[in-house]
Structures are given as C-alpha cells and as structure tokens.
N, C-alpha and C. Protein backbone atom coordinates (compact mmCIF):
# COMPACT_ATOMS: atom_id res chain seq x y z
N MET A 1 -45.11 170.48 -55.11
CA MET A 1 -44.43 171.60 -54.75
C MET A 1 -44.59 172.13 -53.30
N ARG A 2 -45.67 171.72 -52.85
CA ARG A 2 -45.90 172.09 -51.36
C ARG A 2 -45.14 171.31 -50.48
N ARG A 3 -44.95 169.81 -50.86
CA ARG A 3 -44.22 169.07 -50.12
C ARG A 3 -42.58 169.65 -49.96
N ALA A 4 -41.97 170.09 -51.21
CA ALA A 4 -40.58 170.52 -51.15
C ALA A 4 -40.31 171.64 -50.54
N SER A 5 -41.48 172.70 -50.43
CA SER A 5 -41.10 173.83 -49.67
C SER A 5 -41.49 173.54 -47.98
N PHE A 6 -42.05 172.59 -47.80
CA PHE A 6 -42.07 172.07 -46.10
C PHE A 6 -40.79 171.39 -45.83
N LEU A 7 -40.22 170.75 -46.85
CA LEU A 7 -39.12 170.01 -46.39
C LEU A 7 -37.60 170.75 -46.49
N LEU A 8 -37.76 171.96 -47.19
CA LEU A 8 -36.75 172.73 -47.35
C LEU A 8 -35.94 173.27 -46.11
N PRO A 9 -36.85 173.86 -45.36
CA PRO A 9 -36.46 174.40 -43.89
C PRO A 9 -35.95 173.20 -43.09
N LEU A 10 -36.58 172.14 -43.12
CA LEU A 10 -36.24 171.04 -42.06
C LEU A 10 -34.77 170.56 -42.76
N SER A 11 -34.49 170.65 -43.97
CA SER A 11 -33.08 170.15 -44.52
C SER A 11 -31.93 170.94 -44.14
N PHE A 12 -32.26 172.20 -43.84
CA PHE A 12 -31.34 173.07 -43.14
C PHE A 12 -31.13 172.94 -41.67
N ALA A 13 -32.43 172.63 -41.03
CA ALA A 13 -32.47 172.63 -39.50
C ALA A 13 -31.88 171.54 -38.85
N LEU A 14 -31.98 170.43 -39.66
CA LEU A 14 -31.33 169.04 -39.08
C LEU A 14 -29.81 168.99 -38.92
N PRO A 15 -29.23 169.29 -39.98
CA PRO A 15 -27.85 169.47 -39.82
C PRO A 15 -27.18 170.53 -38.72
N ALA A 16 -27.91 171.69 -38.79
CA ALA A 16 -27.63 172.63 -37.77
C ALA A 16 -27.86 172.15 -36.25
N LEU A 17 -28.90 171.33 -36.16
CA LEU A 17 -29.26 170.84 -34.79
C LEU A 17 -28.12 169.82 -34.40
N LEU A 18 -27.73 168.92 -35.45
CA LEU A 18 -26.67 167.98 -35.10
C LEU A 18 -25.26 168.57 -34.83
N LEU A 19 -25.02 169.61 -35.53
CA LEU A 19 -23.76 170.21 -35.28
C LEU A 19 -23.66 171.07 -33.92
N ALA A 20 -24.67 171.51 -33.59
CA ALA A 20 -24.84 172.24 -32.21
C ALA A 20 -24.78 171.35 -31.02
N SER A 21 -25.29 170.10 -31.28
CA SER A 21 -25.38 169.04 -30.30
C SER A 21 -24.06 168.51 -29.93
N CYS A 22 -23.09 168.49 -31.00
CA CYS A 22 -21.86 168.05 -30.84
C CYS A 22 -20.85 168.87 -29.83
N LYS A 23 -20.27 168.34 -28.84
CA LYS A 23 -19.23 169.18 -28.08
C LYS A 23 -18.15 168.84 -28.53
N GLY A 24 -17.36 169.97 -28.62
CA GLY A 24 -15.92 169.80 -29.32
C GLY A 24 -15.03 169.18 -28.34
N GLU A 25 -13.75 168.60 -28.68
CA GLU A 25 -12.91 168.09 -27.85
C GLU A 25 -12.26 169.28 -26.82
N ALA A 26 -12.08 168.44 -25.69
CA ALA A 26 -11.81 169.46 -24.54
C ALA A 26 -10.34 170.16 -24.89
N ASP A 27 -10.19 171.26 -24.49
CA ASP A 27 -8.89 171.79 -24.74
C ASP A 27 -7.91 171.34 -23.74
N PHE A 28 -6.48 171.87 -23.96
CA PHE A 28 -5.39 171.41 -23.09
C PHE A 28 -5.75 171.50 -21.57
N ASP A 29 -6.16 172.76 -21.23
CA ASP A 29 -6.30 173.15 -19.85
C ASP A 29 -7.26 172.20 -19.17
N GLU A 30 -8.38 172.06 -19.93
CA GLU A 30 -9.38 171.09 -19.27
C GLU A 30 -9.02 169.63 -19.06
N ARG A 31 -8.01 169.02 -20.29
CA ARG A 31 -7.68 167.88 -20.08
C ARG A 31 -6.74 167.74 -18.98
N TYR A 32 -5.64 168.73 -18.87
CA TYR A 32 -4.63 168.76 -17.92
C TYR A 32 -5.39 168.79 -16.51
N GLN A 33 -6.36 169.65 -16.20
CA GLN A 33 -7.03 169.75 -15.04
C GLN A 33 -7.84 168.48 -14.67
N ARG A 34 -8.36 167.86 -15.49
CA ARG A 34 -9.07 166.21 -15.27
C ARG A 34 -8.00 165.45 -15.03
N LYS A 35 -6.79 165.30 -15.69
CA LYS A 35 -5.73 164.55 -15.44
C LYS A 35 -5.05 164.57 -14.04
N ALA A 36 -4.99 165.93 -13.83
CA ALA A 36 -4.22 166.21 -12.39
C ALA A 36 -5.31 165.79 -11.23
N GLU A 37 -6.50 165.92 -11.52
CA GLU A 37 -7.38 165.50 -10.42
C GLU A 37 -7.33 163.92 -10.35
N ASP A 38 -7.41 163.30 -11.46
CA ASP A 38 -7.29 161.88 -11.27
C ASP A 38 -6.04 161.35 -10.55
N LEU A 39 -5.14 161.93 -11.04
CA LEU A 39 -3.73 161.64 -10.28
C LEU A 39 -3.85 161.95 -8.74
N GLU A 40 -4.33 162.98 -8.43
CA GLU A 40 -4.44 163.41 -7.07
C GLU A 40 -5.43 162.55 -6.20
N ALA A 41 -6.40 162.20 -6.87
CA ALA A 41 -7.36 160.89 -6.40
C ALA A 41 -6.63 159.61 -6.08
N ALA A 42 -5.72 159.43 -7.01
CA ALA A 42 -5.00 158.02 -6.94
C ALA A 42 -3.95 158.13 -5.94
N ALA A 43 -3.28 159.41 -5.75
CA ALA A 43 -2.34 159.44 -4.61
C ALA A 43 -2.88 159.59 -3.26
N ASN A 44 -4.05 160.18 -3.14
CA ASN A 44 -4.68 160.12 -1.89
C ASN A 44 -5.24 158.56 -1.67
N SER A 45 -5.63 157.95 -2.55
CA SER A 45 -5.80 156.41 -2.18
C SER A 45 -4.88 155.67 -1.81
N MET A 46 -3.67 155.92 -2.44
CA MET A 46 -2.33 155.18 -1.97
C MET A 46 -1.93 155.56 -0.57
N GLN A 47 -2.06 156.62 -0.25
CA GLN A 47 -1.63 157.25 0.88
C GLN A 47 -2.41 156.81 1.99
N GLN A 48 -3.83 156.48 1.76
CA GLN A 48 -4.77 156.23 2.56
C GLN A 48 -4.37 154.62 2.93
N GLU A 49 -4.24 153.98 1.99
CA GLU A 49 -3.91 152.53 2.04
C GLU A 49 -2.50 152.00 2.71
N LEU A 50 -1.51 153.07 2.73
CA LEU A 50 -0.28 152.96 3.25
C LEU A 50 -0.64 153.25 4.86
N GLU A 51 -1.32 154.26 5.30
CA GLU A 51 -1.76 154.73 6.32
C GLU A 51 -2.32 153.38 7.15
N ASN A 52 -3.28 152.83 6.54
CA ASN A 52 -4.31 151.73 7.15
C ASN A 52 -3.46 150.54 7.37
N ARG A 53 -2.27 150.36 6.37
CA ARG A 53 -1.30 148.98 6.61
C ARG A 53 -0.36 149.43 7.71
N MET A 54 0.00 150.68 8.08
CA MET A 54 0.92 151.11 9.06
C MET A 54 0.14 150.89 10.36
N ALA A 55 -0.85 151.41 10.35
CA ALA A 55 -1.92 151.22 11.69
C ALA A 55 -2.13 149.88 11.98
N ALA A 56 -2.22 149.02 10.99
CA ALA A 56 -2.54 147.76 11.37
C ALA A 56 -1.35 147.09 11.82
N ARG A 57 -0.19 147.27 11.28
CA ARG A 57 1.10 146.79 11.59
C ARG A 57 1.23 147.15 12.96
N ASN A 58 1.07 148.39 13.37
CA ASN A 58 1.43 148.99 14.53
C ASN A 58 0.54 148.21 15.67
N ARG A 59 -0.68 148.01 15.42
CA ARG A 59 -1.43 147.28 16.20
C ARG A 59 -1.28 145.86 16.59
N ILE A 60 -0.72 145.17 15.41
CA ILE A 60 -0.16 143.84 15.66
C ILE A 60 0.96 143.73 16.52
N GLU A 61 2.07 144.69 16.33
CA GLU A 61 3.19 144.95 17.00
C GLU A 61 3.02 145.33 18.43
N ALA A 62 1.86 146.28 18.83
CA ALA A 62 1.67 146.37 20.09
C ALA A 62 1.02 145.24 20.75
N ALA A 63 0.00 144.56 19.99
CA ALA A 63 -0.41 143.36 20.70
C ALA A 63 0.28 142.24 21.02
N THR A 64 1.38 141.71 20.14
CA THR A 64 2.32 140.68 20.18
C THR A 64 3.38 140.97 21.06
N GLY A 65 3.89 142.48 21.20
CA GLY A 65 4.97 142.91 22.00
C GLY A 65 6.34 142.58 21.18
N ARG A 66 6.25 142.42 19.96
CA ARG A 66 7.64 142.10 19.00
C ARG A 66 7.44 142.73 17.71
N ALA A 67 8.57 143.42 17.05
CA ALA A 67 8.39 143.91 15.84
C ALA A 67 8.30 142.94 14.55
N MET A 68 7.42 143.17 13.78
CA MET A 68 7.10 142.26 12.60
C MET A 68 8.54 142.51 11.55
N PRO A 69 8.95 141.54 10.88
CA PRO A 69 9.91 141.64 9.89
C PRO A 69 9.46 142.80 8.78
N GLU A 70 10.70 143.20 8.41
CA GLU A 70 10.40 144.21 7.19
C GLU A 70 9.85 143.67 6.10
N ASP A 71 9.20 144.38 5.28
CA ASP A 71 8.62 143.71 4.12
C ASP A 71 9.41 144.66 2.98
N ASN A 72 10.12 144.03 2.01
CA ASN A 72 10.65 144.83 1.03
C ASN A 72 10.04 144.78 -0.31
N GLY A 73 8.85 144.15 -0.30
CA GLY A 73 7.92 144.33 -1.36
C GLY A 73 8.26 143.08 -2.15
N MET A 74 9.09 142.23 -1.90
CA MET A 74 9.61 141.31 -2.65
C MET A 74 8.50 139.62 -2.05
N GLN A 75 8.02 139.27 -2.97
CA GLN A 75 7.41 137.87 -2.55
C GLN A 75 8.48 136.64 -2.47
N PRO A 76 8.32 135.87 -1.24
CA PRO A 76 9.25 134.77 -1.06
C PRO A 76 8.99 133.69 -2.12
C-alpha cells in the first residue's frame, strides 16, 4: 500500500508536466509575422544580388569602354 500511495502523486504529475511542456501551434498573427520576415529577408537578398551584378556590369563597361549586351534571362 505504501508503494501505491507513493506512485499516486507521480501518476498525476507526469501527464501535467508533459502537457505543460508542449507549446501550442502558433496563431495566425505569429505565422504571418514570421512569413513576412522571411519574405522581406529574401527580397533584401535578391535586391543586394541585383545591385552587386549591376555594379560589376558597370565596372566591366567602364574598364572596356563599351556596353555589354543586354541579358534577357534566356540561355543561348
């Protein structure tokens, strides 16, 4: 009987601790904010890449004295 009385509080405490440690799913606002931050970071990365490419293109054109052909994004 002593063992049973010792395990009884433990049997209630363990599920309570497990439930308390679980974090619920993020709500809409949290998911929206996270996605907005991810999109903003991706947009900033793309903008920086474009600026770097344009700067490199301008340096090449200045060094060679002639314009580079336009790139329409299609591979030859």
